[in-house]
Amino acid sequence: MTAYKTPYKVKKGMKQAMRRPAREAEFGPPRKKFCRFCVEKARTIDYKDVKKLEKCISDRCKILPRKISGTCAKHQRKLSNAIKLSRYIGLLPYVRV
């Protein structure tokens, strides 16, 4: 048996790049995400402010990554520390089933 060979070499990110124009034609260009803490000009993220922290965790209580939440690197570090501290104190749950 001989293996079928493609006439051209497909690079790793090539498949995603080929799908991107079709997605943009259907939904429009992707929206620029912004850091909500930079907009508010927050220097610290309060671990007692549960409503703000709940917006940055998933339905299973996992911390959302920067790519999804849109926070900058500096505030993502502070945010994760605040979420972990509020979990330790008991303001936020560790998991939801």
N, C-alpha and C. Protein backbone atom coordinates (compact mmCIF):
# COMPACT_ATOMS: atom_id res chain seq x y z
N MET A 1 0.84 -1.19 0.00
CA MET A 1 0.00 0.00 0.00
C MET A 1 0.87 1.24 0.00
N THR A 2 0.47 2.20 -0.76
CA THR A 2 1.19 3.47 -0.78
C THR A 2 0.34 4.53 -0.10
N ALA A 3 0.99 5.39 0.62
CA ALA A 3 0.30 6.46 1.31
C ALA A 3 0.04 7.61 0.34
N TYR A 4 -1.10 8.23 0.49
CA TYR A 4 -1.46 9.37 -0.36
C TYR A 4 -0.67 10.58 0.09
N LYS A 5 -0.04 11.27 -0.80
CA LYS A 5 0.73 12.47 -0.48
C LYS A 5 0.03 13.68 -1.07
N THR A 6 -0.03 14.75 -0.28
CA THR A 6 -0.65 15.97 -0.77
C THR A 6 0.30 16.65 -1.75
N PRO A 7 -0.23 17.35 -2.75
CA PRO A 7 0.63 18.00 -3.73
C PRO A 7 1.42 19.17 -3.16
N TYR A 8 0.98 19.72 -2.05
CA TYR A 8 1.70 20.83 -1.43
C TYR A 8 1.79 20.59 0.06
N LYS A 9 2.75 21.25 0.68
CA LYS A 9 2.95 21.08 2.11
C LYS A 9 2.06 22.05 2.88
N VAL A 10 1.33 21.53 3.84
CA VAL A 10 0.47 22.36 4.67
C VAL A 10 1.21 22.62 5.98
N LYS A 11 1.40 23.90 6.28
CA LYS A 11 2.07 24.26 7.53
C LYS A 11 1.10 24.12 8.68
N LYS A 12 1.62 24.18 9.91
CA LYS A 12 0.78 23.95 11.09
C LYS A 12 -0.39 24.92 11.19
N GLY A 13 -0.15 26.20 11.10
CA GLY A 13 -1.20 27.19 11.26
C GLY A 13 -1.97 27.48 9.98
N MET A 14 -1.70 26.76 8.94
CA MET A 14 -2.29 27.03 7.62
C MET A 14 -3.80 26.79 7.61
N LYS A 15 -4.25 25.72 8.28
CA LYS A 15 -5.67 25.40 8.26
C LYS A 15 -6.49 26.50 8.93
N GLN A 16 -6.01 27.02 10.03
CA GLN A 16 -6.71 28.10 10.71
C GLN A 16 -6.69 29.36 9.88
N ALA A 17 -5.59 29.63 9.22
CA ALA A 17 -5.49 30.83 8.40
C ALA A 17 -6.44 30.77 7.21
N MET A 18 -6.68 29.57 6.71
CA MET A 18 -7.60 29.44 5.58
C MET A 18 -9.04 29.65 6.02
N ARG A 19 -9.38 29.32 7.26
CA ARG A 19 -10.74 29.49 7.75
C ARG A 19 -11.04 30.92 8.19
N ARG A 20 -10.03 31.69 8.53
CA ARG A 20 -10.22 33.01 9.09
C ARG A 20 -10.99 33.96 8.17
N PRO A 21 -10.67 34.08 6.87
CA PRO A 21 -11.43 35.01 6.03
C PRO A 21 -12.91 34.65 5.92
N ALA A 22 -13.24 33.36 5.91
CA ALA A 22 -14.64 32.97 5.84
C ALA A 22 -15.37 33.37 7.11
N ARG A 23 -14.71 33.23 8.25
CA ARG A 23 -15.32 33.61 9.52
C ARG A 23 -15.54 35.12 9.57
N GLU A 24 -14.54 35.89 9.13
CA GLU A 24 -14.66 37.34 9.14
C GLU A 24 -15.74 37.82 8.18
N ALA A 25 -15.94 37.12 7.08
CA ALA A 25 -16.98 37.50 6.14
C ALA A 25 -18.36 37.28 6.76
N GLU A 26 -18.47 36.25 7.59
CA GLU A 26 -19.76 35.94 8.19
C GLU A 26 -20.05 36.79 9.43
N PHE A 27 -19.08 36.93 10.32
CA PHE A 27 -19.30 37.60 11.59
C PHE A 27 -18.68 38.98 11.68
N GLY A 28 -17.84 39.36 10.76
CA GLY A 28 -17.13 40.64 10.83
C GLY A 28 -15.79 40.46 11.50
N PRO A 29 -14.97 41.50 11.53
CA PRO A 29 -13.65 41.38 12.14
C PRO A 29 -13.78 41.18 13.65
N PRO A 30 -12.81 40.47 14.26
CA PRO A 30 -12.90 40.25 15.70
C PRO A 30 -12.79 41.57 16.46
N ARG A 31 -13.55 41.66 17.54
CA ARG A 31 -13.61 42.88 18.34
C ARG A 31 -12.36 42.98 19.22
N LYS A 32 -11.83 44.18 19.37
CA LYS A 32 -10.66 44.41 20.21
C LYS A 32 -11.08 44.29 21.66
N LYS A 33 -10.42 43.40 22.39
CA LYS A 33 -10.70 43.24 23.81
C LYS A 33 -9.92 44.27 24.61
N PHE A 34 -10.47 44.68 25.72
CA PHE A 34 -9.82 45.67 26.55
C PHE A 34 -9.83 45.20 27.99
N CYS A 35 -8.88 45.72 28.73
CA CYS A 35 -8.77 45.37 30.14
C CYS A 35 -9.73 46.26 30.93
N ARG A 36 -10.70 45.65 31.59
CA ARG A 36 -11.69 46.45 32.32
C ARG A 36 -11.07 47.16 33.52
N PHE A 37 -9.99 46.61 34.04
CA PHE A 37 -9.34 47.24 35.18
C PHE A 37 -8.51 48.45 34.75
N CYS A 38 -7.94 48.40 33.54
CA CYS A 38 -7.23 49.57 33.01
C CYS A 38 -8.20 50.69 32.69
N VAL A 39 -9.38 50.35 32.21
CA VAL A 39 -10.38 51.35 31.90
C VAL A 39 -10.83 52.05 33.18
N GLU A 40 -10.99 51.29 34.26
CA GLU A 40 -11.39 51.86 35.55
C GLU A 40 -10.22 52.52 36.27
N LYS A 41 -9.01 52.34 35.74
CA LYS A 41 -7.77 52.83 36.35
C LYS A 41 -7.62 52.33 37.78
N ALA A 42 -7.83 51.02 37.94
CA ALA A 42 -7.73 50.38 39.25
C ALA A 42 -6.28 50.03 39.54
N ARG A 43 -5.78 50.45 40.68
CA ARG A 43 -4.41 50.10 41.06
C ARG A 43 -4.37 48.75 41.75
N THR A 44 -5.39 48.48 42.55
CA THR A 44 -5.47 47.19 43.22
C THR A 44 -6.81 46.54 42.90
N ILE A 45 -6.84 45.23 42.98
CA ILE A 45 -8.08 44.48 42.78
C ILE A 45 -8.47 43.92 44.14
N ASP A 46 -9.64 44.32 44.63
CA ASP A 46 -10.06 43.96 45.97
C ASP A 46 -10.59 42.53 46.00
N TYR A 47 -10.08 41.74 46.92
CA TYR A 47 -10.51 40.35 47.03
C TYR A 47 -11.90 40.24 47.63
N LYS A 48 -12.41 41.30 48.26
CA LYS A 48 -13.73 41.28 48.88
C LYS A 48 -14.84 41.64 47.89
N ASP A 49 -14.47 42.16 46.73
CA ASP A 49 -15.46 42.53 45.70
C ASP A 49 -15.79 41.29 44.87
N VAL A 50 -16.73 40.50 45.38
CA VAL A 50 -17.03 39.19 44.80
C VAL A 50 -17.70 39.33 43.43
N LYS A 51 -18.52 40.37 43.24
CA LYS A 51 -19.22 40.53 41.96
C LYS A 51 -18.25 40.74 40.80
N LYS A 52 -17.20 41.51 41.02
CA LYS A 52 -16.20 41.71 39.97
C LYS A 52 -15.40 40.44 39.72
N LEU A 53 -15.08 39.74 40.79
CA LEU A 53 -14.28 38.52 40.65
C LEU A 53 -15.06 37.40 39.97
N GLU A 54 -16.37 37.34 40.19
CA GLU A 54 -17.18 36.30 39.57
C GLU A 54 -17.26 36.45 38.06
N LYS A 55 -17.07 37.67 37.55
CA LYS A 55 -17.07 37.89 36.10
C LYS A 55 -15.83 37.31 35.44
N CYS A 56 -14.80 37.06 36.23
CA CYS A 56 -13.53 36.57 35.70
C CYS A 56 -13.29 35.10 35.97
N ILE A 57 -14.33 34.38 36.41
CA ILE A 57 -14.21 32.94 36.58
C ILE A 57 -15.30 32.26 35.75
N SER A 58 -15.05 31.02 35.36
CA SER A 58 -16.00 30.29 34.53
C SER A 58 -17.13 29.72 35.39
N ASP A 59 -18.08 29.03 34.75
CA ASP A 59 -19.18 28.42 35.49
C ASP A 59 -18.70 27.28 36.39
N ARG A 60 -17.53 26.73 36.11
CA ARG A 60 -16.94 25.70 36.96
C ARG A 60 -15.94 26.28 37.95
N CYS A 61 -15.93 27.60 38.07
CA CYS A 61 -15.07 28.35 39.01
C CYS A 61 -13.59 28.29 38.66
N LYS A 62 -13.27 28.13 37.38
CA LYS A 62 -11.88 28.21 36.97
C LYS A 62 -11.59 29.65 36.56
N ILE A 63 -10.38 30.09 36.79
CA ILE A 63 -9.98 31.45 36.43
C ILE A 63 -9.86 31.53 34.91
N LEU A 64 -10.54 32.52 34.33
CA LEU A 64 -10.51 32.67 32.88
C LEU A 64 -9.15 33.18 32.43
N PRO A 65 -8.62 32.67 31.31
CA PRO A 65 -7.33 33.15 30.82
C PRO A 65 -7.44 34.54 30.20
N ARG A 66 -6.31 35.17 30.00
CA ARG A 66 -6.26 36.52 29.44
C ARG A 66 -6.89 36.59 28.07
N LYS A 67 -6.69 35.55 27.30
CA LYS A 67 -7.20 35.53 25.92
C LYS A 67 -8.72 35.65 25.89
N ILE A 68 -9.39 35.08 26.86
CA ILE A 68 -10.85 35.12 26.91
C ILE A 68 -11.35 36.35 27.66
N SER A 69 -10.76 36.63 28.82
CA SER A 69 -11.26 37.74 29.64
C SER A 69 -10.84 39.10 29.10
N GLY A 70 -9.70 39.17 28.43
CA GLY A 70 -9.25 40.44 27.86
C GLY A 70 -8.45 41.31 28.80
N THR A 71 -8.10 40.81 29.97
CA THR A 71 -7.32 41.61 30.91
C THR A 71 -5.85 41.65 30.49
N CYS A 72 -5.17 42.70 30.91
CA CYS A 72 -3.74 42.81 30.59
C CYS A 72 -2.95 41.92 31.55
N ALA A 73 -1.69 41.74 31.29
CA ALA A 73 -0.86 40.81 32.06
C ALA A 73 -0.72 41.25 33.52
N LYS A 74 -0.55 42.54 33.73
CA LYS A 74 -0.37 43.06 35.08
C LYS A 74 -1.62 42.81 35.93
N HIS A 75 -2.78 43.11 35.37
CA HIS A 75 -4.01 42.93 36.12
C HIS A 75 -4.42 41.47 36.22
N GLN A 76 -4.02 40.64 35.27
CA GLN A 76 -4.32 39.21 35.34
C GLN A 76 -3.60 38.58 36.53
N ARG A 77 -2.37 39.00 36.78
CA ARG A 77 -1.62 38.49 37.94
C ARG A 77 -2.30 38.91 39.24
N LYS A 78 -2.69 40.17 39.32
CA LYS A 78 -3.37 40.66 40.53
C LYS A 78 -4.74 39.99 40.70
N LEU A 79 -5.42 39.78 39.58
CA LEU A 79 -6.74 39.16 39.61
C LEU A 79 -6.67 37.72 40.11
N SER A 80 -5.70 36.96 39.63
CA SER A 80 -5.59 35.57 40.07
C SER A 80 -5.25 35.49 41.56
N ASN A 81 -4.41 36.39 42.04
CA ASN A 81 -4.09 36.41 43.48
C ASN A 81 -5.33 36.77 44.30
N ALA A 82 -6.13 37.73 43.81
CA ALA A 82 -7.34 38.13 44.54
C ALA A 82 -8.36 37.00 44.56
N ILE A 83 -8.52 36.28 43.45
CA ILE A 83 -9.46 35.16 43.40
C ILE A 83 -9.00 34.04 44.34
N LYS A 84 -7.72 33.75 44.34
CA LYS A 84 -7.20 32.70 45.22
C LYS A 84 -7.37 33.07 46.69
N LEU A 85 -7.17 34.34 47.03
CA LEU A 85 -7.32 34.79 48.41
C LEU A 85 -8.79 34.72 48.83
N SER A 86 -9.69 35.14 47.96
CA SER A 86 -11.12 35.09 48.32
C SER A 86 -11.62 33.65 48.39
N ARG A 87 -11.02 32.74 47.63
CA ARG A 87 -11.36 31.33 47.78
C ARG A 87 -10.90 30.81 49.13
N TYR A 88 -9.69 31.19 49.52
CA TYR A 88 -9.12 30.73 50.79
C TYR A 88 -9.97 31.22 51.97
N ILE A 89 -10.43 32.46 51.89
CA ILE A 89 -11.25 33.02 52.97
C ILE A 89 -12.64 32.41 52.98
N GLY A 90 -13.14 32.04 51.80
CA GLY A 90 -14.46 31.42 51.73
C GLY A 90 -15.49 32.28 51.03
N LEU A 91 -15.07 33.35 50.39
CA LEU A 91 -16.01 34.21 49.67
C LEU A 91 -16.39 33.63 48.32
N LEU A 92 -15.47 32.91 47.68
CA LEU A 92 -15.72 32.25 46.40
C LEU A 92 -15.52 30.75 46.57
N PRO A 93 -16.29 29.94 45.84
CA PRO A 93 -16.09 28.50 45.93
C PRO A 93 -14.91 28.06 45.09
N TYR A 94 -14.33 26.92 45.44
CA TYR A 94 -13.24 26.35 44.63
C TYR A 94 -13.80 25.70 43.38
N VAL A 95 -14.90 24.95 43.51
CA VAL A 95 -15.52 24.26 42.37
C VAL A 95 -17.03 24.32 42.49
N ARG A 96 -17.69 24.22 41.35
CA ARG A 96 -19.14 24.04 41.29
C ARG A 96 -19.40 22.82 40.46
N VAL A 97 -20.27 21.99 40.92
CA VAL A 97 -20.55 20.75 40.18
C VAL A 97 -21.90 20.86 39.51
